[in-house]
Amino acid sequence: MKINADFLEKELAHLQTLLSPDAPVVMQFKKAHTPTGYDLEQFAKSLGIEIANGEVIQE
């Protein structure tokens, strides 16, 4: 299923109203499509995700 960033932001904002600020959140992706590598870096940085070597495949 492809979803856009706006959808994720709205869902996370809603979840923040239901959970305490220190509640752990786990997000898991099989695939994430971004227009450029820079976009992927910015996405990961904004969410505090560390991308390890070998986790990204460019096609």
PDB file of N, CA and C in Angstrom:
ATOM      1  N   MET A   1       0.847  -1.158   0.000  1.00  0.00           N
ATOM      2  CA  MET A   1       0.000   0.000   0.000  1.00  0.00           C
ATOM      3  C   MET A   1       0.900   1.229   0.000  1.00  0.00           C
ATOM      4  N   LYS A   2       0.663   2.148  -0.894  1.00  0.00           N
ATOM      5  CA  LYS A   2       1.405   3.393  -0.911  1.00  0.00           C
ATOM      6  C   LYS A   2       0.593   4.453  -0.181  1.00  0.00           C
ATOM      7  N   ILE A   3       1.247   5.148   0.743  1.00  0.00           N
ATOM      8  CA  ILE A   3       0.614   6.255   1.445  1.00  0.00           C
ATOM      9  C   ILE A   3       1.565   7.448   1.380  1.00  0.00           C
ATOM     10  N   ASN A   4       0.998   8.641   1.470  1.00  0.00           N
ATOM     11  CA  ASN A   4       1.847   9.816   1.373  1.00  0.00           C
ATOM     12  C   ASN A   4       2.196  10.366   2.753  1.00  0.00           C
ATOM     13  N   ALA A   5       3.136  11.298   2.772  1.00  0.00           N
ATOM     14  CA  ALA A   5       3.626  11.860   4.026  1.00  0.00           C
ATOM     15  C   ALA A   5       2.531  12.578   4.804  1.00  0.00           C
ATOM     16  N   ASP A   6       1.625  13.247   4.099  1.00  0.00           N
ATOM     17  CA  ASP A   6       0.533  13.952   4.782  1.00  0.00           C
ATOM     18  C   ASP A   6      -0.309  12.995   5.619  1.00  0.00           C
ATOM     19  N   PHE A   7      -0.570  11.822   5.067  1.00  0.00           N
ATOM     20  CA  PHE A   7      -1.345  10.821   5.798  1.00  0.00           C
ATOM     21  C   PHE A   7      -0.613  10.410   7.077  1.00  0.00           C
ATOM     22  N   LEU A   8       0.682  10.133   6.958  1.00  0.00           N
ATOM     23  CA  LEU A   8       1.462   9.737   8.134  1.00  0.00           C
ATOM     24  C   LEU A   8       1.481  10.832   9.192  1.00  0.00           C
ATOM     25  N   GLU A   9       1.676  12.068   8.761  1.00  0.00           N
ATOM     26  CA  GLU A   9       1.710  13.179   9.712  1.00  0.00           C
ATOM     27  C   GLU A   9       0.381  13.328  10.449  1.00  0.00           C
ATOM     28  N   LYS A  10      -0.725  13.201   9.734  1.00  0.00           N
ATOM     29  CA  LYS A  10      -2.042  13.326  10.366  1.00  0.00           C
ATOM     30  C   LYS A  10      -2.285  12.188  11.356  1.00  0.00           C
ATOM     31  N   GLU A  11      -1.909  10.973  10.974  1.00  0.00           N
ATOM     32  CA  GLU A  11      -2.108   9.829  11.867  1.00  0.00           C
ATOM     33  C   GLU A  11      -1.245   9.944  13.120  1.00  0.00           C
ATOM     34  N   LEU A  12       0.005  10.351  12.953  1.00  0.00           N
ATOM     35  CA  LEU A  12       0.885  10.511  14.114  1.00  0.00           C
ATOM     36  C   LEU A  12       0.389  11.627  15.032  1.00  0.00           C
ATOM     37  N   ALA A  13      -0.097  12.715  14.451  1.00  0.00           N
ATOM     38  CA  ALA A  13      -0.638  13.809  15.262  1.00  0.00           C
ATOM     39  C   ALA A  13      -1.836  13.321  16.071  1.00  0.00           C
ATOM     40  N   HIS A  14      -2.686  12.512  15.450  1.00  0.00           N
ATOM     41  CA  HIS A  14      -3.845  11.963  16.165  1.00  0.00           C
ATOM     42  C   HIS A  14      -3.396  11.023  17.283  1.00  0.00           C
ATOM     43  N   LEU A  15      -2.443  10.166  16.995  1.00  0.00           N
ATOM     44  CA  LEU A  15      -1.957   9.236  18.019  1.00  0.00           C
ATOM     45  C   LEU A  15      -1.332   9.965  19.198  1.00  0.00           C
ATOM     46  N   GLN A  16      -0.689  11.102  18.934  1.00  0.00           N
ATOM     47  CA  GLN A  16      -0.071  11.866  20.019  1.00  0.00           C
ATOM     48  C   GLN A  16      -1.115  12.373  21.000  1.00  0.00           C
ATOM     49  N   THR A  17      -2.337  12.578  20.554  1.00  0.00           N
ATOM     50  CA  THR A  17      -3.388  13.028  21.467  1.00  0.00           C
ATOM     51  C   THR A  17      -3.896  11.887  22.348  1.00  0.00           C
ATOM     52  N   LEU A  18      -3.657  10.655  21.932  1.00  0.00           N
ATOM     53  CA  LEU A  18      -4.164   9.496  22.671  1.00  0.00           C
ATOM     54  C   LEU A  18      -3.135   8.893  23.619  1.00  0.00           C
ATOM     55  N   LEU A  19      -1.860   9.131  23.368  1.00  0.00           N
ATOM     56  CA  LEU A  19      -0.788   8.505  24.129  1.00  0.00           C
ATOM     57  C   LEU A  19      -0.026   9.527  24.959  1.00  0.00           C
ATOM     58  N   SER A  20       0.648   9.052  25.977  1.00  0.00           N
ATOM     59  CA  SER A  20       1.484   9.954  26.766  1.00  0.00           C
ATOM     60  C   SER A  20       2.718  10.345  25.942  1.00  0.00           C
ATOM     61  N   PRO A  21       3.313  11.491  26.228  1.00  0.00           N
ATOM     62  CA  PRO A  21       4.462  11.969  25.445  1.00  0.00           C
ATOM     63  C   PRO A  21       5.662  11.027  25.442  1.00  0.00           C
ATOM     64  N   ASP A  22       5.790  10.186  26.463  1.00  0.00           N
ATOM     65  CA  ASP A  22       6.940   9.284  26.522  1.00  0.00           C
ATOM     66  C   ASP A  22       6.610   7.853  26.075  1.00  0.00           C
ATOM     67  N   ALA A  23       5.446   7.661  25.471  1.00  0.00           N
ATOM     68  CA  ALA A  23       5.058   6.329  24.984  1.00  0.00           C
ATOM     69  C   ALA A  23       5.952   5.935  23.805  1.00  0.00           C
ATOM     70  N   PRO A  24       6.479   4.718  23.813  1.00  0.00           N
ATOM     71  CA  PRO A  24       7.315   4.280  22.687  1.00  0.00           C
ATOM     72  C   PRO A  24       6.472   4.057  21.433  1.00  0.00           C
ATOM     73  N   VAL A  25       7.008   4.460  20.311  1.00  0.00           N
ATOM     74  CA  VAL A  25       6.332   4.277  19.028  1.00  0.00           C
ATOM     75  C   VAL A  25       7.268   3.500  18.112  1.00  0.00           C
ATOM     76  N   VAL A  26       6.760   2.448  17.490  1.00  0.00           N
ATOM     77  CA  VAL A  26       7.553   1.643  16.572  1.00  0.00           C
ATOM     78  C   VAL A  26       6.912   1.724  15.200  1.00  0.00           C
ATOM     79  N   MET A  27       7.709   2.147  14.207  1.00  0.00           N
ATOM     80  CA  MET A  27       7.240   2.189  12.829  1.00  0.00           C
ATOM     81  C   MET A  27       8.129   1.262  12.025  1.00  0.00           C
ATOM     82  N   GLN A  28       7.521   0.510  11.150  1.00  0.00           N
ATOM     83  CA  GLN A  28       8.280  -0.442  10.355  1.00  0.00           C
ATOM     84  C   GLN A  28       7.862  -0.311   8.896  1.00  0.00           C
ATOM     85  N   PHE A  29       8.852  -0.251   8.015  1.00  0.00           N
ATOM     86  CA  PHE A  29       8.596  -0.109   6.591  1.00  0.00           C
ATOM     87  C   PHE A  29       9.263  -1.251   5.846  1.00  0.00           C
ATOM     88  N   LYS A  30       8.583  -1.814   4.892  1.00  0.00           N
ATOM     89  CA  LYS A  30       9.220  -2.740   3.968  1.00  0.00           C
ATOM     90  C   LYS A  30       9.844  -1.954   2.829  1.00  0.00           C
ATOM     91  N   LYS A  31       9.127  -0.912   2.397  1.00  0.00           N
ATOM     92  CA  LYS A  31       9.604  -0.057   1.324  1.00  0.00           C
ATOM     93  C   LYS A  31       9.193   1.376   1.613  1.00  0.00           C
ATOM     94  N   ALA A  32      10.043   2.293   1.224  1.00  0.00           N
ATOM     95  CA  ALA A  32       9.715   3.716   1.267  1.00  0.00           C
ATOM     96  C   ALA A  32      10.222   4.310  -0.037  1.00  0.00           C
ATOM     97  N   HIS A  33       9.330   4.922  -0.786  1.00  0.00           N
ATOM     98  CA  HIS A  33       9.692   5.519  -2.077  1.00  0.00           C
ATOM     99  C   HIS A  33       9.903   7.013  -1.877  1.00  0.00           C
ATOM    100  N   THR A  34      11.093   7.494  -2.227  1.00  0.00           N
ATOM    101  CA  THR A  34      11.387   8.920  -2.161  1.00  0.00           C
ATOM    102  C   THR A  34      11.973   9.350  -3.498  1.00  0.00           C
ATOM    103  N   PRO A  35      11.706  10.598  -3.897  1.00  0.00           N
ATOM    104  CA  PRO A  35      12.214  11.061  -5.197  1.00  0.00           C
ATOM    105  C   PRO A  35      13.744  11.069  -5.284  1.00  0.00           C
ATOM    106  N   THR A  36      14.405  11.405  -4.174  1.00  0.00           N
ATOM    107  CA  THR A  36      15.873  11.472  -4.182  1.00  0.00           C
ATOM    108  C   THR A  36      16.427  10.905  -2.883  1.00  0.00           C
ATOM    109  N   GLY A  37      17.720  10.639  -2.901  1.00  0.00           N
ATOM    110  CA  GLY A  37      18.397  10.196  -1.687  1.00  0.00           C
ATOM    111  C   GLY A  37      18.376  11.266  -0.613  1.00  0.00           C
ATOM    112  N   TYR A  38      18.451  12.524  -1.034  1.00  0.00           N
ATOM    113  CA  TYR A  38      18.396  13.629  -0.086  1.00  0.00           C
ATOM    114  C   TYR A  38      17.052  13.639   0.646  1.00  0.00           C
ATOM    115  N   ASP A  39      15.969  13.396  -0.086  1.00  0.00           N
ATOM    116  CA  ASP A  39      14.644  13.340   0.537  1.00  0.00           C
ATOM    117  C   ASP A  39      14.580  12.229   1.582  1.00  0.00           C
ATOM    118  N   LEU A  40      15.179  11.094   1.261  1.00  0.00           N
ATOM    119  CA  LEU A  40      15.215   9.985   2.225  1.00  0.00           C
ATOM    120  C   LEU A  40      16.007  10.382   3.464  1.00  0.00           C
ATOM    121  N   GLU A  41      17.155  11.033   3.271  1.00  0.00           N
ATOM    122  CA  GLU A  41      17.963  11.481   4.409  1.00  0.00           C
ATOM    123  C   GLU A  41      17.177  12.443   5.296  1.00  0.00           C
ATOM    124  N   GLN A  42      16.481  13.395   4.693  1.00  0.00           N
ATOM    125  CA  GLN A  42      15.711  14.367   5.458  1.00  0.00           C
ATOM    126  C   GLN A  42      14.553  13.702   6.198  1.00  0.00           C
ATOM    127  N   PHE A  43      13.879  12.746   5.545  1.00  0.00           N
ATOM    128  CA  PHE A  43      12.796  11.994   6.183  1.00  0.00           C
ATOM    129  C   PHE A  43      13.324  11.252   7.410  1.00  0.00           C
ATOM    130  N   ALA A  44      14.407  10.544   7.233  1.00  0.00           N
ATOM    131  CA  ALA A  44      14.986   9.778   8.336  1.00  0.00           C
ATOM    132  C   ALA A  44      15.443  10.702   9.466  1.00  0.00           C
ATOM    133  N   LYS A  45      16.079  11.797   9.102  1.00  0.00           N
ATOM    134  CA  LYS A  45      16.569  12.744  10.103  1.00  0.00           C
ATOM    135  C   LYS A  45      15.416  13.336  10.910  1.00  0.00           C
ATOM    136  N   SER A  46      14.332  13.710  10.230  1.00  0.00           N
ATOM    137  CA  SER A  46      13.205  14.330  10.922  1.00  0.00           C
ATOM    138  C   SER A  46      12.525  13.378  11.898  1.00  0.00           C
ATOM    139  N   LEU A  47      12.627  12.086  11.648  1.00  0.00           N
ATOM    140  CA  LEU A  47      12.016  11.097  12.542  1.00  0.00           C
ATOM    141  C   LEU A  47      13.016  10.452  13.503  1.00  0.00           C
ATOM    142  N   GLY A  48      14.283  10.827  13.374  1.00  0.00           N
ATOM    143  CA  GLY A  48      15.303  10.245  14.249  1.00  0.00           C
ATOM    144  C   GLY A  48      15.627   8.808  13.896  1.00  0.00           C
ATOM    145  N   ILE A  49      15.463   8.462  12.618  1.00  0.00           N
ATOM    146  CA  ILE A  49      15.744   7.101  12.151  1.00  0.00           C
ATOM    147  C   ILE A  49      17.189   7.039  11.656  1.00  0.00           C
ATOM    148  N   GLU A  50      17.911   6.036  12.103  1.00  0.00           N
ATOM    149  CA  GLU A  50      19.258   5.821  11.600  1.00  0.00           C
ATOM    150  C   GLU A  50      19.209   4.728  10.545  1.00  0.00           C
ATOM    151  N   ILE A  51      19.720   5.039   9.354  1.00  0.00           N
ATOM    152  CA  ILE A  51      19.743   4.081   8.260  1.00  0.00           C
ATOM    153  C   ILE A  51      21.134   3.473   8.198  1.00  0.00           C
ATOM    154  N   ALA A  52      21.216   2.160   8.347  1.00  0.00           N
ATOM    155  CA  ALA A  52      22.504   1.464   8.337  1.00  0.00           C
ATOM    156  C   ALA A  52      22.899   1.100   6.907  1.00  0.00           C
ATOM    157  N   ASN A  53      24.177   0.862   6.718  1.00  0.00           N
ATOM    158  CA  ASN A  53      24.669   0.422   5.417  1.00  0.00           C
ATOM    159  C   ASN A  53      23.948  -0.864   5.011  1.00  0.00           C
ATOM    160  N   GLY A  54      23.553  -0.931   3.758  1.00  0.00           N
ATOM    161  CA  GLY A  54      22.890  -2.123   3.245  1.00  0.00           C
ATOM    162  C   GLY A  54      21.380  -2.106   3.382  1.00  0.00           C
ATOM    163  N   GLU A  55      20.821  -1.088   4.050  1.00  0.00           N
ATOM    164  CA  GLU A  55      19.373  -1.023   4.233  1.00  0.00           C
ATOM    165  C   GLU A  55      18.663  -0.311   3.081  1.00  0.00           C
ATOM    166  N   VAL A  56      19.403   0.363   2.221  1.00  0.00           N
ATOM    167  CA  VAL A  56      18.803   1.117   1.128  1.00  0.00           C
ATOM    168  C   VAL A  56      19.219   0.524  -0.210  1.00  0.00           C
ATOM    169  N   ILE A  57      18.237   0.301  -1.050  1.00  0.00           N
ATOM    170  CA  ILE A  57      18.488  -0.191  -2.419  1.00  0.00           C
ATOM    171  C   ILE A  57      17.961   0.861  -3.375  1.00  0.00           C
ATOM    172  N   GLN A  58      18.839   1.348  -4.243  1.00  0.00           N
ATOM    173  CA  GLN A  58      18.421   2.323  -5.241  1.00  0.00           C
ATOM    174  C   GLN A  58      18.172   1.594  -6.555  1.00  0.00           C
ATOM    175  N   GLU A  59      17.013   1.834  -7.148  1.00  0.00           N
ATOM    176  CA  GLU A  59      16.678   1.187  -8.412  1.00  0.00           C
ATOM    177  C   GLU A  59      16.441   2.220  -9.483  1.00  0.00           C
TER     178      GLU A  59
END
